[in-house]
C-alpha atoms as a PDB file:
ATOM      1  CA  MET A   1      20.440  14.874 -22.861  1.00  0.00           C
ATOM      2  CA  PRO A   2      19.006  18.058 -21.531  1.00  0.00           C
ATOM      3  CA  ARG A   3      19.645  18.552 -17.529  1.00  0.00           C
ATOM      4  CA  ALA A   4      15.917  18.551 -16.358  1.00  0.00           C
ATOM      5  CA  ILE A   5      15.422  15.359 -18.302  1.00  0.00           C
ATOM      6  CA  HIS A   6      18.779  13.964 -16.976  1.00  0.00           C
ATOM      7  CA  TYR A   7      17.502  14.627 -13.536  1.00  0.00           C
ATOM      8  CA  TYR A   8      13.983  12.930 -13.875  1.00  0.00           C
ATOM      9  CA  VAL A   9      15.899   9.881 -15.354  1.00  0.00           C
ATOM     10  CA  MET A  10      18.108   9.542 -12.247  1.00  0.00           C
ATOM     11  CA  ALA A  11      15.359  10.296  -9.779  1.00  0.00           C
ATOM     12  CA  ASN A  12      13.103   7.168 -11.393  1.00  0.00           C
ATOM     13  CA  ASN A  13      16.449   5.199 -11.255  1.00  0.00           C
ATOM     14  CA  VAL A  14      16.541   5.984  -7.377  1.00  0.00           C
ATOM     15  CA  VAL A  15      13.019   5.387  -6.755  1.00  0.00           C
ATOM     16  CA  ASP A  16      13.111   2.424  -9.124  1.00  0.00           C
ATOM     17  CA  LYS A  17      15.909   0.724  -6.758  1.00  0.00           C
ATOM     18  CA  ILE A  18      14.260   1.929  -3.681  1.00  0.00           C
ATOM     19  CA  LEU A  19      11.054  -0.150  -4.694  1.00  0.00           C
ATOM     20  CA  LYS A  20      12.740  -2.913  -6.335  1.00  0.00           C
ATOM     21  CA  LYS A  21      14.510  -3.534  -3.017  1.00  0.00           C
ATOM     22  CA  VAL A  22      10.952  -3.858  -1.189  1.00  0.00           C
ATOM     23  CA  LEU A  23       9.726  -6.075  -4.208  1.00  0.00           C
ATOM     24  CA  SER A  24      12.801  -8.376  -3.743  1.00  0.00           C
ATOM     25  CA  ASP A  25      12.719  -8.522   0.160  1.00  0.00           C
ATOM     26  CA  TYR A  26       9.145  -9.730  -0.105  1.00  0.00           C
ATOM     27  CA  ARG A  27       9.730 -12.302  -2.747  1.00  0.00           C
ATOM     28  CA  GLN A  28      12.573 -14.008  -0.708  1.00  0.00           C
ATOM     29  CA  ALA A  29      10.074 -14.092   2.279  1.00  0.00           C
ATOM     30  CA  PHE A  30       7.445 -15.658   0.050  1.00  0.00           C
ATOM     31  CA  THR A  31       9.708 -18.222  -2.015  1.00  0.00           C
ATOM     32  CA  GLY A  32       9.080 -21.670  -0.421  1.00  0.00           C
ATOM     33  CA  LYS A  33       6.016 -20.712   1.711  1.00  0.00           C
ATOM     34  CA  THR A  34       3.067 -23.762   1.788  1.00  0.00           C
ATOM     35  CA  TYR A  35      -0.133 -23.303   3.476  1.00  0.00           C
ATOM     36  CA  PRO A  36      -3.011 -25.593   4.142  1.00  0.00           C
ATOM     37  CA  GLU A  37     -10.023 -20.063   1.156  1.00  0.00           C
ATOM     38  CA  GLU A  38     -13.050 -16.800  -2.005  1.00  0.00           C
ATOM     39  CA  ASN A  39     -11.868 -13.711  -3.825  1.00  0.00           C
ATOM     40  CA  ASP A  40     -10.538 -14.786  -7.235  1.00  0.00           C
ATOM     41  CA  ASP A  41      -9.462 -10.933  -8.133  1.00  0.00           C
ATOM     42  CA  LEU A  42      -6.049 -10.318  -8.823  1.00  0.00           C
ATOM     43  CA  ASP A  43      -4.341  -7.087  -7.919  1.00  0.00           C
ATOM     44  CA  PRO A  44      -1.328  -5.653  -8.894  1.00  0.00           C
ATOM     45  CA  LEU A  45       0.668  -6.889  -5.703  1.00  0.00           C
ATOM     46  CA  MET A  46      -0.345 -10.706  -6.561  1.00  0.00           C
ATOM     47  CA  ALA A  47       0.327 -10.066 -10.273  1.00  0.00           C
ATOM     48  CA  VAL A  48       3.873  -8.949  -9.378  1.00  0.00           C
ATOM     49  CA  PHE A  49       4.728 -12.093  -7.359  1.00  0.00           C
ATOM     50  CA  GLY A  50       2.847 -14.306  -9.536  1.00  0.00           C
ATOM     51  CA  ILE A  51       0.560 -15.212  -6.695  1.00  0.00           C
ATOM     52  CA  THR A  52      -2.256 -16.657  -8.168  1.00  0.00           C
ATOM     53  CA  PRO A  53      -6.262 -16.518  -6.265  1.00  0.00           C
ATOM     54  CA  GLY A  54      -5.864 -20.418  -5.485  1.00  0.00           C
ATOM     55  CA  VAL A  55      -2.696 -19.918  -3.910  1.00  0.00           C
ATOM     56  CA  LYS A  56      -3.791 -16.660  -2.037  1.00  0.00           C
ATOM     57  CA  ARG A  57      -6.770 -18.524  -0.588  1.00  0.00           C
ATOM     58  CA  GLU A  58      -4.585 -21.606   0.401  1.00  0.00           C
ATOM     59  CA  ASN A  59      -3.490 -19.002   3.844  1.00  0.00           C
ATOM     60  CA  ARG A  60      -5.802 -15.709   3.170  1.00  0.00           C
ATOM     61  CA  GLN A  61      -4.535 -14.234   6.373  1.00  0.00           C
ATOM     62  CA  TYR A  62      -0.892 -14.487   5.564  1.00  0.00           C
ATOM     63  CA  TRP A  63      -1.315 -13.169   2.253  1.00  0.00           C
ATOM     64  CA  GLY A  64      -3.283 -10.252   2.932  1.00  0.00           C
ATOM     65  CA  ARG A  65      -1.047  -9.669   6.252  1.00  0.00           C
ATOM     66  CA  GLU A  66       2.112  -9.610   4.320  1.00  0.00           C
ATOM     67  CA  LEU A  67       1.017  -8.209   1.086  1.00  0.00           C
ATOM     68  CA  GLY A  68      -0.362  -5.552   3.224  1.00  0.00           C
ATOM     69  CA  MET A  69       2.910  -4.866   4.661  1.00  0.00           C
ATOM     70  CA  CYS A  70       4.687  -5.022   1.463  1.00  0.00           C
ATOM     71  CA  TRP A  71       2.062  -2.060   0.063  1.00  0.00           C
ATOM     72  CA  GLN A  72       2.645  -0.141   3.237  1.00  0.00           C
ATOM     73  CA  LEU A  73       6.373  -0.302   2.507  1.00  0.00           C
ATOM     74  CA  LEU A  74       6.303   0.335  -1.131  1.00  0.00           C
ATOM     75  CA  VAL A  75       3.997   3.655  -0.627  1.00  0.00           C
ATOM     76  CA  SER A  76       5.847   4.797   2.128  1.00  0.00           C
ATOM     77  CA  LYS A  77       8.986   4.680   0.748  1.00  0.00           C
ATOM     78  CA  LEU A  78       7.845   5.947  -2.576  1.00  0.00           C
ATOM     79  CA  PHE A  79       6.547   9.233  -0.675  1.00  0.00           C
ATOM     80  CA  SER A  80       9.758   9.659   1.427  1.00  0.00           C
ATOM     81  CA  ASN A  81      11.866   9.705  -1.767  1.00  0.00           C
ATOM     82  CA  GLN A  82       9.227  11.894  -3.325  1.00  0.00           C
ATOM     83  CA  ARG A  83       8.152  14.472  -0.888  1.00  0.00           C
ATOM     84  CA  ALA A  84      10.435  16.949   0.840  1.00  0.00           C
ATOM     85  CA  ASP A  85       7.492  17.163   3.519  1.00  0.00           C
ATOM     86  CA  TYR A  86       7.509  13.534   4.247  1.00  0.00           C
ATOM     87  CA  GLN A  87       7.227  12.820   8.026  1.00  0.00           C
ATOM     88  CA  GLY A  88       6.869   9.394   9.242  1.00  0.00           C
ATOM     89  CA  PRO A  89       3.770   8.107  11.645  1.00  0.00           C
ATOM     90  CA  ILE A  90       2.428  10.724  14.158  1.00  0.00           C
ATOM     91  CA  GLN A  91       2.498   9.283  17.649  1.00  0.00           C
ATOM     92  CA  ILE A  92      -0.409   9.887  19.803  1.00  0.00           C
ATOM     93  CA  GLU A  93       0.062   8.115  23.224  1.00  0.00           C
ATOM     94  CA  ASP A  94       1.073   4.343  22.480  1.00  0.00           C
ATOM     95  CA  ASP A  95      -0.802   4.661  19.041  1.00  0.00           C
ATOM     96  CA  GLU A  96       0.422   5.630  15.300  1.00  0.00           C
ATOM     97  CA  PRO A  97      -2.688   6.570  13.511  1.00  0.00           C
ATOM     98  CA  CYS A  98      -1.262   6.874  10.251  1.00  0.00           C
ATOM     99  CA  ASP A  99       1.760   5.419   8.591  1.00  0.00           C
ATOM    100  CA  PHE A 100       3.056   8.769   7.442  1.00  0.00           C
ATOM    101  CA  ARG A 101       2.434  12.094   6.518  1.00  0.00           C
ATOM    102  CA  VAL A 102       2.507  14.304   3.377  1.00  0.00           C
ATOM    103  CA  GLY A 103       1.531  18.206   3.476  1.00  0.00           C
ATOM    104  CA  LYS A 104      -1.706  17.837   5.612  1.00  0.00           C
ATOM    105  CA  ASP A 105      -2.719  14.588   4.901  1.00  0.00           C
ATOM    106  CA  ALA A 106      -2.114  11.981   7.527  1.00  0.00           C
ATOM    107  CA  VAL A 107      -1.683   8.873   5.181  1.00  0.00           C
ATOM    108  CA  ASP A 108      -2.704   5.086   6.284  1.00  0.00           C
ATOM    109  CA  THR A 109      -2.196   2.560   4.166  1.00  0.00           C
ATOM    110  CA  LYS A 110      -4.229  -0.902   3.621  1.00  0.00           C
ATOM    111  CA  TYR A 111      -4.064  -3.756   1.272  1.00  0.00           C
ATOM    112  CA  ARG A 112      -8.135  -3.895   2.119  1.00  0.00           C
ATOM    113  CA  VAL A 113     -10.347  -3.824   5.002  1.00  0.00           C
ATOM    114  CA  GLY A 114     -13.136  -6.529   5.280  1.00  0.00           C
ATOM    115  CA  SER A 115     -15.542  -7.798   7.915  1.00  0.00           C
ATOM    116  CA  GLY A 116     -12.935  -9.235   9.960  1.00  0.00           C
ATOM    117  CA  ASP A 117     -11.338  -6.099  11.056  1.00  0.00           C
ATOM    118  CA  SER A 118     -13.809  -4.535  13.608  1.00  0.00           C
ATOM    119  CA  GLY A 119     -10.725  -3.569  15.461  1.00  0.00           C
ATOM    120  CA  THR A 120      -9.318  -1.773  12.927  1.00  0.00           C
ATOM    121  CA  LEU A 121     -12.744  -0.037  12.124  1.00  0.00           C
ATOM    122  CA  LYS A 122     -12.845   1.135  16.049  1.00  0.00           C
ATOM    123  CA  LYS A 123      -9.238   2.260  15.671  1.00  0.00           C
ATOM    124  CA  PHE A 124     -10.481   4.390  12.039  1.00  0.00           C
ATOM    125  CA  LYS A 125     -13.101   5.961  13.684  1.00  0.00           C
ATOM    126  CA  ALA A 126     -10.908   7.339  16.783  1.00  0.00           C
ATOM    127  CA  TYR A 127      -8.253   7.902  14.920  1.00  0.00           C
ATOM    128  CA  GLY A 128      -9.801  10.141  12.504  1.00  0.00           C
ATOM    129  CA  LYS A 129     -10.761  12.176  15.037  1.00  0.00           C
ATOM    130  CA  LEU A 130      -7.619  12.228  16.342  1.00  0.00           C
ATOM    131  CA  LEU A 131      -5.714  13.462  13.645  1.00  0.00           C
ATOM    132  CA  SER A 132      -8.360  15.946  12.172  1.00  0.00           C
ATOM    133  CA  GLU A 133      -7.781  17.737  15.615  1.00  0.00           C
ATOM    134  CA  ARG A 134      -4.375  18.086  15.007  1.00  0.00           C
ATOM    135  CA  GLY A 135      -5.112  19.864  11.663  1.00  0.00           C
ATOM    136  CA  TYR A 136      -4.707  16.729   9.316  1.00  0.00           C
ATOM    137  CA  ARG A 137      -6.714  15.660   6.571  1.00  0.00           C
ATOM    138  CA  PRO A 138      -7.067  11.379   7.117  1.00  0.00           C
ATOM    139  CA  VAL A 139      -6.577   9.571   4.066  1.00  0.00           C
ATOM    140  CA  VAL A 140      -6.529   5.914   3.729  1.00  0.00           C
ATOM    141  CA  LEU A 141      -5.057   4.330   0.532  1.00  0.00           C
ATOM    142  CA  LEU A 142      -6.666   0.941   0.269  1.00  0.00           C
ATOM    143  CA  LEU A 143      -4.982  -1.271  -2.805  1.00  0.00           C
ATOM    144  CA  ARG A 144      -7.872  -3.532  -3.231  1.00  0.00           C
ATOM    145  CA  GLU A 145     -11.477  -2.621  -4.612  1.00  0.00           C
ATOM    146  CA  ASP A 146     -13.247  -5.653  -2.716  1.00  0.00           C
ATOM    147  CA  ASN A 147     -13.562  -3.774   0.450  1.00  0.00           C
ATOM    148  CA  LEU A 148     -16.554  -4.203   2.558  1.00  0.00           C
ATOM    149  CA  PRO A 149     -19.127  -1.750   2.214  1.00  0.00           C
ATOM    150  CA  ALA A 150     -19.748  -1.505   5.868  1.00  0.00           C
ATOM    151  CA  ALA A 151     -16.132  -1.041   6.646  1.00  0.00           C
ATOM    152  CA  ILE A 152     -15.775   1.850   3.842  1.00  0.00           C
ATOM    153  CA  THR A 153     -18.702   3.577   5.612  1.00  0.00           C
ATOM    154  CA  ALA A 154     -16.750   3.259   9.042  1.00  0.00           C
ATOM    155  CA  CYS A 155     -13.724   4.960   7.621  1.00  0.00           C
ATOM    156  CA  VAL A 156     -15.774   8.033   6.158  1.00  0.00           C
ATOM    157  CA  THR A 157     -17.760   8.164   9.505  1.00  0.00           C
ATOM    158  CA  GLY A 158     -14.478   8.303  11.068  1.00  0.00           C
ATOM    159  CA  GLY A 159     -13.513  11.184   8.899  1.00  0.00           C
ATOM    160  CA  TRP A 160     -11.164   9.700   6.632  1.00  0.00           C
ATOM    161  CA  THR A 161     -10.909  10.565   3.015  1.00  0.00           C
ATOM    162  CA  VAL A 162     -10.884   6.659   1.304  1.00  0.00           C
ATOM    163  CA  PHE A 163      -9.254   5.680  -1.738  1.00  0.00           C
ATOM    164  CA  ALA A 164      -9.335   2.400  -3.073  1.00  0.00           C
ATOM    165  CA  GLY A 165      -7.882   0.780  -6.149  1.00  0.00           C
ATOM    166  CA  LYS A 166      -7.147   3.100  -9.305  1.00  0.00           C
ATOM    167  CA  ASN A 167      -8.395   6.047  -7.308  1.00  0.00           C
ATOM    168  CA  THR A 168      -5.546   5.200  -4.815  1.00  0.00           C
ATOM    169  CA  PHE A 169      -3.182   4.973  -7.655  1.00  0.00           C
ATOM    170  CA  GLU A 170      -4.579   8.389  -9.025  1.00  0.00           C
ATOM    171  CA  TYR A 171      -3.632   9.659  -5.673  1.00  0.00           C
ATOM    172  CA  ILE A 172      -0.151   8.664  -5.625  1.00  0.00           C
ATOM    173  CA  ARG A 173       0.385   9.706  -9.091  1.00  0.00           C
ATOM    174  CA  LYS A 174      -0.823  13.103  -8.325  1.00  0.00           C
ATOM    175  CA  GLU A 175       0.829  13.523  -4.959  1.00  0.00           C
ATOM    176  CA  ALA A 176       4.163  11.524  -5.283  1.00  0.00           C
ATOM    177  CA  ASP A 177       4.615  12.617  -9.073  1.00  0.00           C
ATOM    178  CA  PHE A 178       5.135   8.449  -9.955  1.00  0.00           C
ATOM    179  CA  ASP A 179       3.095   6.304 -11.604  1.00  0.00           C
ATOM    180  CA  LEU A 180       3.056   3.477  -9.301  1.00  0.00           C
ATOM    181  CA  ALA A 181       0.482   1.547 -11.065  1.00  0.00           C
ATOM    182  CA  GLU A 182       2.731   1.371 -14.286  1.00  0.00           C
ATOM    183  CA  TRP A 183       5.598   0.587 -12.400  1.00  0.00           C
ATOM    184  CA  LEU A 184       4.143  -2.533 -10.830  1.00  0.00           C
ATOM    185  CA  ARG A 185       3.118  -3.476 -14.559  1.00  0.00           C
ATOM    186  CA  VAL A 186       6.325  -3.351 -15.679  1.00  0.00           C
ATOM    187  CA  CYS A 187       7.603  -5.205 -12.532  1.00  0.00           C
ATOM    188  CA  GLU A 188       4.764  -7.917 -13.388  1.00  0.00           C
ATOM    189  CA  SER A 189       5.594  -8.299 -17.143  1.00  0.00           C
ATOM    190  CA  SER A 190       9.421  -8.815 -16.350  1.00  0.00           C
ATOM    191  CA  GLY A 191       8.648 -11.623 -14.033  1.00  0.00           C
ATOM    192  CA  GLU A 192      11.592 -10.723 -11.848  1.00  0.00           C
ATOM    193  CA  PHE A 193       9.604 -11.131  -8.666  1.00  0.00           C
ATOM    194  CA  PHE A 194       7.725 -14.353  -9.599  1.00  0.00           C
ATOM    195  CA  ILE A 195       7.932 -16.559  -6.260  1.00  0.00           C
ATOM    196  CA  THR A 196       9.130 -19.900  -6.684  1.00  0.00           C
ATOM    197  CA  ARG A 197       7.343 -22.340  -4.268  1.00  0.00           C
ATOM    198  CA  ARG A 198       9.225 -25.388  -3.049  1.00  0.00           C
ATOM    199  CA  LYS A 199       6.970 -28.547  -2.317  1.00  0.00           C
END
């Protein structure tokens, strides 16, 4: 095997193990969860864990929060492994206005933004300005495409470059040199991370 190809395979094996550890930890946390409800669209993380829209509707707040944290960890760990210029979040007073930095991009990850996120939207407006003043391009990577248009407008008004759904995965592919969308599809088809819910 040529050295360049061997290195690529080894590097991707490392990334594969790092990212699968995140999914495995979340699979453990999701297994056995039961909860006392609108969007029927699947997204790549729901598919990986076998979470149906019906299950998600049982407790949207829980699933949104947990899938959001899983998304943040996947993207952060991928970039920390793939980019030599990766830096963690910047601290501005008591706040961390982004999840990590690569090059001149200050990146924040969100599962989705909706109407109930008024506090988040105010922070986006303020944080975008703070990051820009420090020479960064504020970038938000949204996993889902069903974000509230007013929320997207608030982000853009705050100076953020917004990527959602396919555009998010394209940004990741380009900037981290890794096809996370395809990797998630492979994980989904393996069924390795499907959750088992106890009654």
